[in-house]
């Protein structure tokens, strides 16, 4: 399988992770042990959307065009990294804790634990590593 196909598949999976995180964390009833700032999922969604749009521009545009140039590529990679870091911070709501006043972990209709979040956000980090490598080696 070609490396470009891997990049396209990971791009589609990153888009799904961005949208599903937004859907899963809207409102007050999100699952987890702790509540997180409302700004974190918003930042995840905004930076992820910007990264996706810029990255698609880099993937489909010729290298000598404005959208295929280094400015768009570097901005896309930077936004991907911000999105990945926000995703890892979203996982903090599942950190285990002990004590008398610690709330019980809440589930939701999506899954019974952090499995879906772990898959999506650790997968996002791997995807961003691949995107960074692909961009730096001019494989895309």
N, C-alpha and C. Protein backbone atom coordinates (compact mmCIF):
# COMPACT_ATOMS: atom_id res chain seq x y z
N UNK A 1 0.85 -1.17 0.00
CA UNK A 1 0.00 0.00 0.00
C UNK A 1 0.90 1.24 0.00
N UNK A 2 0.54 2.19 -0.80
CA UNK A 2 1.31 3.41 -0.95
C UNK A 2 1.20 4.28 0.31
N UNK A 3 2.27 5.01 0.59
CA UNK A 3 2.29 5.90 1.75
C UNK A 3 1.24 7.00 1.62
N UNK A 4 0.98 7.45 0.40
CA UNK A 4 -0.05 8.47 0.18
C UNK A 4 -1.43 7.96 0.55
N UNK A 5 -1.69 6.71 0.29
CA UNK A 5 -2.99 6.13 0.66
C UNK A 5 -3.13 6.10 2.18
N UNK A 6 -2.06 5.76 2.87
CA UNK A 6 -2.07 5.76 4.34
C UNK A 6 -2.38 7.16 4.86
N UNK A 7 -1.76 8.17 4.26
CA UNK A 7 -2.01 9.56 4.68
C UNK A 7 -3.47 9.94 4.45
N UNK A 8 -4.03 9.55 3.32
CA UNK A 8 -5.44 9.86 3.06
C UNK A 8 -6.37 9.14 4.04
N UNK A 9 -6.08 7.90 4.35
CA UNK A 9 -6.90 7.15 5.32
C UNK A 9 -6.81 7.79 6.69
N UNK A 10 -5.60 8.16 7.12
CA UNK A 10 -5.44 8.81 8.41
C UNK A 10 -6.10 10.19 8.45
N UNK A 11 -6.13 10.87 7.32
CA UNK A 11 -6.83 12.16 7.24
C UNK A 11 -8.32 11.96 7.45
N UNK A 12 -8.88 10.95 6.83
CA UNK A 12 -10.32 10.67 7.01
C UNK A 12 -10.61 10.27 8.46
N UNK A 13 -9.75 9.45 9.06
CA UNK A 13 -9.95 9.05 10.45
C UNK A 13 -9.80 10.23 11.40
N UNK A 14 -8.89 11.15 11.10
CA UNK A 14 -8.74 12.36 11.92
C UNK A 14 -10.00 13.22 11.84
N UNK A 15 -10.58 13.33 10.66
CA UNK A 15 -11.83 14.08 10.51
C UNK A 15 -12.95 13.47 11.34
N UNK A 16 -13.02 12.15 11.33
CA UNK A 16 -14.04 11.46 12.14
C UNK A 16 -13.80 11.70 13.62
N UNK A 17 -12.54 11.64 14.06
CA UNK A 17 -12.22 11.86 15.48
C UNK A 17 -12.58 13.27 15.91
N UNK A 18 -12.35 14.25 15.05
CA UNK A 18 -12.67 15.64 15.37
C UNK A 18 -14.17 15.81 15.54
N UNK A 19 -14.93 15.29 14.60
CA UNK A 19 -16.38 15.44 14.65
C UNK A 19 -16.99 14.66 15.81
N UNK A 20 -16.55 13.42 16.01
CA UNK A 20 -17.12 12.61 17.08
C UNK A 20 -16.78 13.16 18.46
N UNK A 21 -15.58 13.73 18.61
CA UNK A 21 -15.24 14.36 19.89
C UNK A 21 -16.16 15.54 20.15
N UNK A 22 -16.43 16.31 19.13
CA UNK A 22 -17.35 17.45 19.28
C UNK A 22 -18.74 16.96 19.68
N UNK A 23 -19.22 15.94 19.02
CA UNK A 23 -20.56 15.41 19.33
C UNK A 23 -20.61 14.80 20.72
N UNK A 24 -19.56 14.08 21.09
CA UNK A 24 -19.55 13.38 22.37
C UNK A 24 -19.44 14.32 23.56
N UNK A 25 -18.72 15.43 23.40
CA UNK A 25 -18.46 16.31 24.53
C UNK A 25 -19.35 17.55 24.57
N UNK A 26 -20.33 17.62 23.73
CA UNK A 26 -21.23 18.78 23.82
C UNK A 26 -22.14 18.60 25.03
N UNK A 27 -22.47 19.68 25.66
CA UNK A 27 -23.34 19.63 26.83
C UNK A 27 -22.59 19.27 28.09
N UNK A 28 -23.35 19.15 29.16
CA UNK A 28 -22.76 18.89 30.47
C UNK A 28 -22.65 17.41 30.81
N UNK A 29 -23.29 16.55 30.08
CA UNK A 29 -23.37 15.15 30.46
C UNK A 29 -22.32 14.27 29.85
N UNK A 30 -21.10 14.76 29.64
CA UNK A 30 -20.08 13.92 29.03
C UNK A 30 -19.53 12.92 30.04
N UNK A 31 -19.09 11.81 29.52
CA UNK A 31 -18.61 10.72 30.38
C UNK A 31 -17.24 11.04 30.93
N UNK A 32 -16.88 10.33 31.99
CA UNK A 32 -15.55 10.46 32.55
C UNK A 32 -15.57 10.59 34.06
N UNK A 33 -14.40 10.63 34.63
CA UNK A 33 -14.24 10.78 36.07
C UNK A 33 -14.34 12.24 36.48
N UNK A 34 -13.79 13.13 35.67
CA UNK A 34 -13.74 14.55 35.97
C UNK A 34 -14.38 15.35 34.86
N UNK A 35 -14.79 16.55 35.19
CA UNK A 35 -15.25 17.45 34.14
C UNK A 35 -14.05 18.25 33.64
N UNK A 36 -14.09 18.61 32.37
CA UNK A 36 -13.02 19.39 31.78
C UNK A 36 -13.59 20.72 31.33
N UNK A 37 -12.72 21.66 31.08
CA UNK A 37 -13.15 22.98 30.64
C UNK A 37 -13.94 22.87 29.34
N UNK A 38 -14.93 23.70 29.19
CA UNK A 38 -15.71 23.72 27.95
C UNK A 38 -14.89 24.23 26.78
N UNK A 39 -13.83 24.96 27.09
CA UNK A 39 -12.99 25.53 26.03
C UNK A 39 -12.14 24.48 25.34
N UNK A 40 -11.80 23.43 26.06
CA UNK A 40 -10.93 22.41 25.49
C UNK A 40 -11.56 21.69 24.29
N UNK A 41 -12.80 21.20 24.37
CA UNK A 41 -13.40 20.59 23.18
C UNK A 41 -13.61 21.59 22.05
N UNK A 42 -13.88 22.85 22.40
CA UNK A 42 -14.04 23.87 21.36
C UNK A 42 -12.71 24.10 20.65
N UNK A 43 -11.62 24.21 21.42
CA UNK A 43 -10.30 24.38 20.82
C UNK A 43 -9.95 23.17 19.96
N UNK A 44 -10.26 21.97 20.45
CA UNK A 44 -10.02 20.74 19.70
C UNK A 44 -10.75 20.78 18.36
N UNK A 45 -12.00 21.20 18.38
CA UNK A 45 -12.81 21.24 17.16
C UNK A 45 -12.33 22.33 16.20
N UNK A 46 -12.06 23.52 16.72
CA UNK A 46 -11.66 24.64 15.86
C UNK A 46 -10.30 24.37 15.22
N UNK A 47 -9.31 24.01 16.03
CA UNK A 47 -7.99 23.72 15.47
C UNK A 47 -8.02 22.50 14.55
N UNK A 48 -8.83 21.51 14.92
CA UNK A 48 -8.95 20.32 14.07
C UNK A 48 -9.57 20.64 12.72
N UNK A 49 -10.59 21.49 12.72
CA UNK A 49 -11.23 21.88 11.46
C UNK A 49 -10.28 22.70 10.59
N UNK A 50 -9.59 23.64 11.21
CA UNK A 50 -8.61 24.45 10.46
C UNK A 50 -7.50 23.55 9.91
N UNK A 51 -7.01 22.64 10.74
CA UNK A 51 -5.97 21.71 10.30
C UNK A 51 -6.44 20.87 9.13
N UNK A 52 -7.66 20.37 9.23
CA UNK A 52 -8.20 19.52 8.17
C UNK A 52 -8.32 20.29 6.85
N UNK A 53 -8.84 21.50 6.91
CA UNK A 53 -9.01 22.30 5.69
C UNK A 53 -7.64 22.62 5.07
N UNK A 54 -6.71 23.07 5.91
CA UNK A 54 -5.37 23.39 5.40
C UNK A 54 -4.68 22.15 4.85
N UNK A 55 -4.80 21.03 5.58
CA UNK A 55 -4.15 19.79 5.16
C UNK A 55 -4.71 19.28 3.84
N UNK A 56 -6.02 19.37 3.68
CA UNK A 56 -6.62 18.95 2.40
C UNK A 56 -6.12 19.84 1.27
N UNK A 57 -5.94 21.14 1.56
CA UNK A 57 -5.36 22.03 0.56
C UNK A 57 -3.96 21.62 0.17
N UNK A 58 -3.18 21.22 1.15
CA UNK A 58 -1.81 20.75 0.88
C UNK A 58 -1.83 19.46 0.07
N UNK A 59 -2.74 18.56 0.40
CA UNK A 59 -2.77 17.26 -0.27
C UNK A 59 -3.23 17.35 -1.73
N UNK A 60 -4.17 18.23 -2.03
CA UNK A 60 -4.74 18.25 -3.38
C UNK A 60 -4.12 19.31 -4.29
N UNK A 61 -3.40 20.28 -3.73
CA UNK A 61 -2.83 21.35 -4.54
C UNK A 61 -1.43 21.01 -5.00
N UNK A 62 -1.06 21.53 -6.19
CA UNK A 62 0.33 21.36 -6.62
C UNK A 62 1.28 22.12 -5.69
N UNK A 63 2.52 21.66 -5.63
CA UNK A 63 3.50 22.27 -4.72
C UNK A 63 3.78 23.73 -5.04
N UNK A 64 3.67 24.12 -6.30
CA UNK A 64 3.99 25.50 -6.66
C UNK A 64 2.80 26.45 -6.52
N UNK A 65 1.66 25.95 -6.06
CA UNK A 65 0.50 26.82 -5.85
C UNK A 65 0.55 27.43 -4.45
N UNK A 66 -0.29 28.44 -4.24
CA UNK A 66 -0.33 29.11 -2.94
C UNK A 66 -0.75 28.16 -1.82
N UNK A 67 -1.79 27.37 -2.07
CA UNK A 67 -2.29 26.48 -1.02
C UNK A 67 -1.43 25.23 -0.84
N UNK A 68 -0.60 24.93 -1.81
CA UNK A 68 0.29 23.77 -1.68
C UNK A 68 1.66 24.14 -1.19
N UNK A 69 1.87 25.42 -0.92
CA UNK A 69 3.18 25.90 -0.52
C UNK A 69 3.51 25.63 0.93
N UNK A 70 4.70 26.07 1.33
CA UNK A 70 5.17 25.77 2.69
C UNK A 70 4.35 26.44 3.80
N UNK A 71 3.80 27.61 3.55
CA UNK A 71 3.03 28.30 4.59
C UNK A 71 1.82 27.47 5.01
N UNK A 72 1.06 26.98 4.06
CA UNK A 72 -0.12 26.17 4.38
C UNK A 72 0.28 24.85 5.04
N UNK A 73 1.35 24.25 4.57
CA UNK A 73 1.79 22.99 5.14
C UNK A 73 2.23 23.12 6.58
N UNK A 74 3.02 24.15 6.86
CA UNK A 74 3.50 24.36 8.23
C UNK A 74 2.34 24.71 9.16
N UNK A 75 1.41 25.55 8.69
CA UNK A 75 0.24 25.89 9.50
C UNK A 75 -0.64 24.66 9.76
N UNK A 76 -0.79 23.83 8.74
CA UNK A 76 -1.60 22.61 8.90
C UNK A 76 -0.98 21.68 9.94
N UNK A 77 0.32 21.46 9.84
CA UNK A 77 1.00 20.59 10.81
C UNK A 77 0.91 21.17 12.21
N UNK A 78 1.09 22.48 12.35
CA UNK A 78 0.99 23.12 13.67
C UNK A 78 -0.41 22.95 14.25
N UNK A 79 -1.43 23.14 13.42
CA UNK A 79 -2.82 22.96 13.90
C UNK A 79 -3.10 21.51 14.25
N UNK A 80 -2.52 20.58 13.49
CA UNK A 80 -2.68 19.16 13.83
C UNK A 80 -2.09 18.87 15.20
N UNK A 81 -0.93 19.45 15.49
CA UNK A 81 -0.30 19.20 16.79
C UNK A 81 -1.12 19.80 17.93
N UNK A 82 -1.66 20.99 17.72
CA UNK A 82 -2.52 21.59 18.76
C UNK A 82 -3.75 20.71 18.98
N UNK A 83 -4.33 20.21 17.90
CA UNK A 83 -5.49 19.32 18.00
C UNK A 83 -5.14 18.05 18.77
N UNK A 84 -3.99 17.47 18.48
CA UNK A 84 -3.57 16.24 19.16
C UNK A 84 -3.33 16.48 20.65
N UNK A 85 -2.71 17.60 20.99
CA UNK A 85 -2.48 17.92 22.40
C UNK A 85 -3.80 18.15 23.12
N UNK A 86 -4.73 18.86 22.48
CA UNK A 86 -6.06 19.04 23.08
C UNK A 86 -6.75 17.69 23.28
N UNK A 87 -6.59 16.79 22.33
CA UNK A 87 -7.17 15.46 22.45
C UNK A 87 -6.60 14.68 23.62
N UNK A 88 -5.30 14.78 23.81
CA UNK A 88 -4.67 14.11 24.96
C UNK A 88 -5.18 14.72 26.26
N UNK A 89 -5.36 16.03 26.27
CA UNK A 89 -5.91 16.68 27.47
C UNK A 89 -7.36 16.28 27.71
N UNK A 90 -8.10 16.00 26.66
CA UNK A 90 -9.47 15.51 26.81
C UNK A 90 -9.46 14.17 27.55
N UNK A 91 -8.42 13.38 27.32
CA UNK A 91 -8.31 12.08 28.00
C UNK A 91 -8.14 12.23 29.51
N UNK A 92 -7.74 13.41 29.97
CA UNK A 92 -7.53 13.62 31.41
C UNK A 92 -8.80 13.40 32.20
N UNK A 93 -9.96 13.51 31.56
CA UNK A 93 -11.22 13.29 32.30
C UNK A 93 -11.39 11.85 32.74
N UNK A 94 -10.56 10.95 32.20
CA UNK A 94 -10.64 9.54 32.57
C UNK A 94 -9.57 9.12 33.56
N UNK A 95 -8.71 10.04 34.00
CA UNK A 95 -7.65 9.67 34.93
C UNK A 95 -8.25 9.12 36.23
N UNK A 96 -7.72 8.02 36.71
CA UNK A 96 -8.24 7.46 37.95
C UNK A 96 -7.82 8.32 39.15
N UNK A 97 -8.67 8.32 40.13
CA UNK A 97 -8.37 9.07 41.34
C UNK A 97 -9.03 8.36 42.51
N UNK A 98 -8.44 8.54 43.68
CA UNK A 98 -9.00 7.93 44.89
C UNK A 98 -9.29 9.01 45.90
N UNK A 99 -10.18 8.69 46.76
CA UNK A 99 -10.52 9.63 47.82
C UNK A 99 -12.00 9.59 48.11
N UNK A 100 -12.33 10.14 49.24
CA UNK A 100 -13.71 10.10 49.68
C UNK A 100 -14.62 11.01 48.85
N UNK A 101 -14.08 12.10 48.34
CA UNK A 101 -14.91 13.09 47.65
C UNK A 101 -14.78 13.04 46.13
N UNK A 102 -14.15 12.01 45.62
CA UNK A 102 -14.00 11.87 44.18
C UNK A 102 -15.30 11.31 43.60
N UNK A 103 -15.82 11.95 42.56
CA UNK A 103 -17.05 11.43 41.96
C UNK A 103 -16.81 10.12 41.22
N UNK A 104 -17.84 9.32 41.09
CA UNK A 104 -17.75 8.09 40.32
C UNK A 104 -17.64 8.43 38.84
N UNK A 105 -16.97 7.57 38.10
CA UNK A 105 -16.87 7.76 36.66
C UNK A 105 -18.26 7.59 36.06
N UNK A 106 -18.60 8.48 35.15
CA UNK A 106 -19.89 8.42 34.48
C UNK A 106 -19.72 7.84 33.09
N UNK A 107 -20.64 6.99 32.72
CA UNK A 107 -20.64 6.44 31.37
C UNK A 107 -21.59 7.23 30.49
N UNK A 108 -21.63 6.85 29.24
CA UNK A 108 -22.60 7.43 28.33
C UNK A 108 -23.02 6.36 27.33
N UNK A 109 -23.82 6.73 26.38
CA UNK A 109 -24.34 5.75 25.44
C UNK A 109 -23.30 5.35 24.39
N UNK A 110 -22.17 6.02 24.35
CA UNK A 110 -21.15 5.74 23.34
C UNK A 110 -20.32 4.52 23.71
N UNK A 111 -19.93 4.44 24.97
CA UNK A 111 -19.11 3.31 25.42
C UNK A 111 -19.15 3.26 26.93
N UNK A 112 -18.64 2.19 27.50
CA UNK A 112 -18.65 2.03 28.95
C UNK A 112 -17.39 2.55 29.62
N UNK A 113 -16.47 3.05 28.87
CA UNK A 113 -15.23 3.54 29.46
C UNK A 113 -14.46 4.40 28.48
N UNK A 114 -13.19 4.54 28.75
CA UNK A 114 -12.38 5.44 27.92
C UNK A 114 -11.87 4.82 26.62
N UNK A 115 -12.30 3.64 26.27
CA UNK A 115 -11.76 2.95 25.10
C UNK A 115 -11.87 3.74 23.81
N UNK A 116 -13.04 4.30 23.54
CA UNK A 116 -13.23 5.07 22.31
C UNK A 116 -12.37 6.32 22.30
N UNK A 117 -12.29 7.00 23.44
CA UNK A 117 -11.46 8.21 23.53
C UNK A 117 -9.98 7.87 23.37
N UNK A 118 -9.55 6.79 24.01
CA UNK A 118 -8.15 6.37 23.86
C UNK A 118 -7.81 6.04 22.41
N UNK A 119 -8.67 5.28 21.77
CA UNK A 119 -8.45 4.91 20.38
C UNK A 119 -8.37 6.14 19.49
N UNK A 120 -9.31 7.05 19.66
CA UNK A 120 -9.35 8.23 18.80
C UNK A 120 -8.17 9.16 19.04
N UNK A 121 -7.87 9.45 20.28
CA UNK A 121 -6.86 10.47 20.55
C UNK A 121 -5.43 9.96 20.50
N UNK A 122 -5.20 8.74 20.89
CA UNK A 122 -3.86 8.18 20.68
C UNK A 122 -3.63 7.90 19.19
N UNK A 123 -4.70 7.51 18.51
CA UNK A 123 -4.63 7.36 17.05
C UNK A 123 -4.36 8.69 16.37
N UNK A 124 -4.92 9.78 16.91
CA UNK A 124 -4.67 11.10 16.37
C UNK A 124 -3.20 11.48 16.51
N UNK A 125 -2.60 11.16 17.64
CA UNK A 125 -1.18 11.46 17.83
C UNK A 125 -0.33 10.68 16.82
N UNK A 126 -0.65 9.41 16.62
CA UNK A 126 0.07 8.62 15.62
C UNK A 126 -0.14 9.21 14.23
N UNK A 127 -1.37 9.60 13.93
CA UNK A 127 -1.66 10.20 12.64
C UNK A 127 -0.89 11.49 12.42
N UNK A 128 -0.80 12.32 13.44
CA UNK A 128 -0.07 13.58 13.32
C UNK A 128 1.43 13.32 13.15
N UNK A 129 1.95 12.30 13.81
CA UNK A 129 3.35 11.92 13.58
C UNK A 129 3.56 11.51 12.12
N UNK A 130 2.63 10.75 11.57
CA UNK A 130 2.72 10.34 10.17
C UNK A 130 2.60 11.56 9.25
N UNK A 131 1.65 12.46 9.55
CA UNK A 131 1.50 13.67 8.74
C UNK A 131 2.78 14.50 8.75
N UNK A 132 3.38 14.64 9.92
CA UNK A 132 4.60 15.42 10.04
C UNK A 132 5.73 14.78 9.24
N UNK A 133 5.88 13.47 9.38
CA UNK A 133 6.90 12.76 8.61
C UNK A 133 6.64 12.89 7.11
N UNK A 134 5.38 12.71 6.71
CA UNK A 134 5.04 12.80 5.27
C UNK A 134 5.32 14.19 4.72
N UNK A 135 5.03 15.20 5.50
CA UNK A 135 5.27 16.56 5.02
C UNK A 135 6.76 16.88 4.98
N UNK A 136 7.50 16.50 6.02
CA UNK A 136 8.92 16.81 6.07
C UNK A 136 9.73 16.05 5.01
N UNK A 137 9.30 14.87 4.65
CA UNK A 137 10.00 14.09 3.63
C UNK A 137 9.43 14.30 2.23
N UNK A 138 8.44 15.21 2.12
CA UNK A 138 7.79 15.53 0.83
C UNK A 138 7.17 14.29 0.19
N UNK A 139 6.64 13.40 1.03
CA UNK A 139 5.98 12.20 0.51
C UNK A 139 4.57 12.50 0.02
N UNK A 140 4.04 13.65 0.41
CA UNK A 140 2.71 14.06 -0.05
C UNK A 140 2.79 15.36 -0.82
